[in-house]
Protein backbone atom coordinates (compact mmCIF):
# COMPACT_ATOMS: atom_id res chain seq x y z
CA MET A 1 11.98 -22.09 -2.33
CA THR A 2 11.05 -18.58 -3.44
CA ARG A 3 10.68 -15.83 -0.90
CA SER A 4 7.46 -13.97 -0.28
CA LEU A 5 6.94 -10.54 -1.78
CA ASN A 6 6.93 -7.85 0.89
CA VAL A 7 3.81 -5.72 0.55
CA ALA A 8 3.25 -2.16 1.73
CA LEU A 9 -0.42 -1.31 2.14
CA LEU A 10 -0.95 2.44 1.92
CA GLY A 11 -4.10 3.25 3.84
CA TYR A 12 -5.93 1.28 6.50
CA GLY A 13 -9.42 2.72 6.24
CA LEU A 14 -12.39 0.61 5.21
CA THR A 15 -10.93 -0.61 1.91
CA GLY A 16 -7.46 -1.28 3.29
CA SER A 17 -8.58 -2.98 6.48
CA VAL A 18 -11.54 -5.00 5.14
CA PHE A 19 -10.38 -5.92 1.64
CA HIS A 20 -6.69 -5.44 0.91
CA ALA A 21 -4.99 -6.39 4.20
CA PRO A 22 -6.90 -9.67 4.69
CA LEU A 23 -6.33 -10.67 1.05
CA VAL A 24 -2.62 -9.94 1.21
CA ALA A 25 -2.29 -11.77 4.55
CA ALA A 26 -4.14 -14.83 3.18
CA THR A 27 -2.29 -15.05 -0.15
CA PRO A 28 0.66 -17.47 -0.31
CA GLY A 29 3.75 -15.68 -1.55
CA LEU A 30 2.74 -12.29 -0.11
CA ALA A 31 3.77 -10.88 3.27
CA LEU A 32 2.10 -7.81 4.76
CA HIS A 33 5.31 -5.98 5.65
CA THR A 34 4.22 -2.36 6.17
CA VAL A 35 0.90 -0.59 6.62
CA THR A 36 0.58 3.18 6.52
CA SER A 37 -1.99 4.45 8.96
CA ARG A 38 -2.58 7.23 11.45
CA ASP A 39 -3.91 4.59 13.88
CA PRO A 40 -1.11 2.08 14.58
CA ALA A 41 -3.09 0.38 17.37
CA LYS A 42 -5.86 -0.52 14.91
CA VAL A 43 -3.34 -2.16 12.57
CA ALA A 44 -1.55 -3.97 15.40
CA LEU A 45 -4.76 -5.66 16.55
CA ARG A 46 -5.12 -7.59 13.31
CA HIS A 47 -1.59 -7.54 11.89
CA PRO A 48 0.89 -7.47 14.78
CA ARG A 49 3.85 -8.48 12.59
CA ALA A 50 3.37 -5.61 10.14
CA ARG A 51 5.36 -2.42 10.58
CA VAL A 52 3.22 0.70 10.79
CA SER A 53 4.25 4.01 9.28
CA ALA A 54 2.46 7.32 8.97
CA ASP A 55 4.40 8.23 5.81
CA PRO A 56 3.19 6.59 2.59
CA MET A 57 6.07 8.06 0.55
CA GLN A 58 8.58 6.39 2.86
CA ALA A 59 6.84 3.05 2.28
CA CYS A 60 6.92 3.65 -1.49
CA THR A 61 10.70 3.99 -1.44
CA ASP A 62 11.57 1.42 1.24
CA PRO A 63 14.04 -1.05 -0.32
CA ALA A 64 12.47 -3.91 1.65
CA ILE A 65 9.15 -3.46 -0.18
CA ASP A 66 8.41 -5.30 -3.44
CA LEU A 67 4.74 -4.43 -3.97
CA VAL A 68 2.76 -1.33 -3.00
CA VAL A 69 -1.02 -1.43 -2.66
CA VAL A 70 -2.54 2.06 -2.80
CA ALA A 71 -5.78 2.28 -0.79
CA THR A 72 -5.60 5.91 0.27
CA PRO A 73 -8.04 8.74 -0.58
CA ASN A 74 -8.71 8.97 -4.32
CA ASP A 75 -6.83 12.22 -4.91
CA THR A 76 -3.60 10.61 -3.62
CA HIS A 77 -3.74 7.46 -5.78
CA ALA A 78 -1.86 8.77 -8.82
CA PRO A 79 1.00 10.55 -6.99
CA LEU A 80 1.63 7.60 -4.68
CA ALA A 81 1.43 5.04 -7.47
CA LEU A 82 3.84 7.06 -9.61
CA ALA A 83 6.28 7.41 -6.68
CA ALA A 84 6.18 3.65 -6.08
CA LEU A 85 6.69 2.91 -9.79
CA ALA A 86 9.60 5.36 -9.92
CA ALA A 87 11.13 3.44 -7.02
CA GLY A 88 10.86 0.21 -9.02
CA LYS A 89 7.95 -1.31 -7.11
CA HIS A 90 5.07 -3.39 -8.38
CA VAL A 91 1.87 -1.42 -7.79
CA VAL A 92 -1.82 -2.17 -7.26
CA VAL A 93 -4.11 0.87 -7.15
CA ASP A 94 -7.57 0.85 -5.67
CA LYS A 95 -10.06 2.44 -8.03
CA PRO A 96 -10.17 5.09 -9.35
CA PHE A 97 -6.60 5.78 -10.41
CA ALA A 98 -7.43 9.50 -10.44
CA PRO A 99 -10.67 11.22 -9.39
CA ASP A 100 -10.88 13.31 -12.57
CA VAL A 101 -8.90 14.39 -15.62
CA ALA A 102 -7.28 17.25 -13.70
CA HIS A 103 -5.56 14.70 -11.42
CA ARG A 104 -4.39 12.51 -14.29
CA PRO A 105 -0.59 12.28 -14.57
CA ASN A 106 0.93 14.08 -17.56
CA ARG A 107 3.20 11.22 -18.54
């Protein structure tokens, strides 16, 4: 039997709470391990087994995490996704990847 992939969901606003978290929780083979949010009580109501962190960078580099879902404000998408990729994580980024050309990574 293969183990589930541990998922860190960065951001628990509308997109994270209504779309990403329920999809991750309902998908066989995925486990909602960590959610980054400034409102841990809101996360705990729907996902009591998930750890809650206020620091998305810490979640990006946590060795227990396999997949990072970036659902934070648009201007943070690229830096967080790049940090997660640099840490060897699989990454899903909510659209847009960057809000404009100025925020595009130079890689």
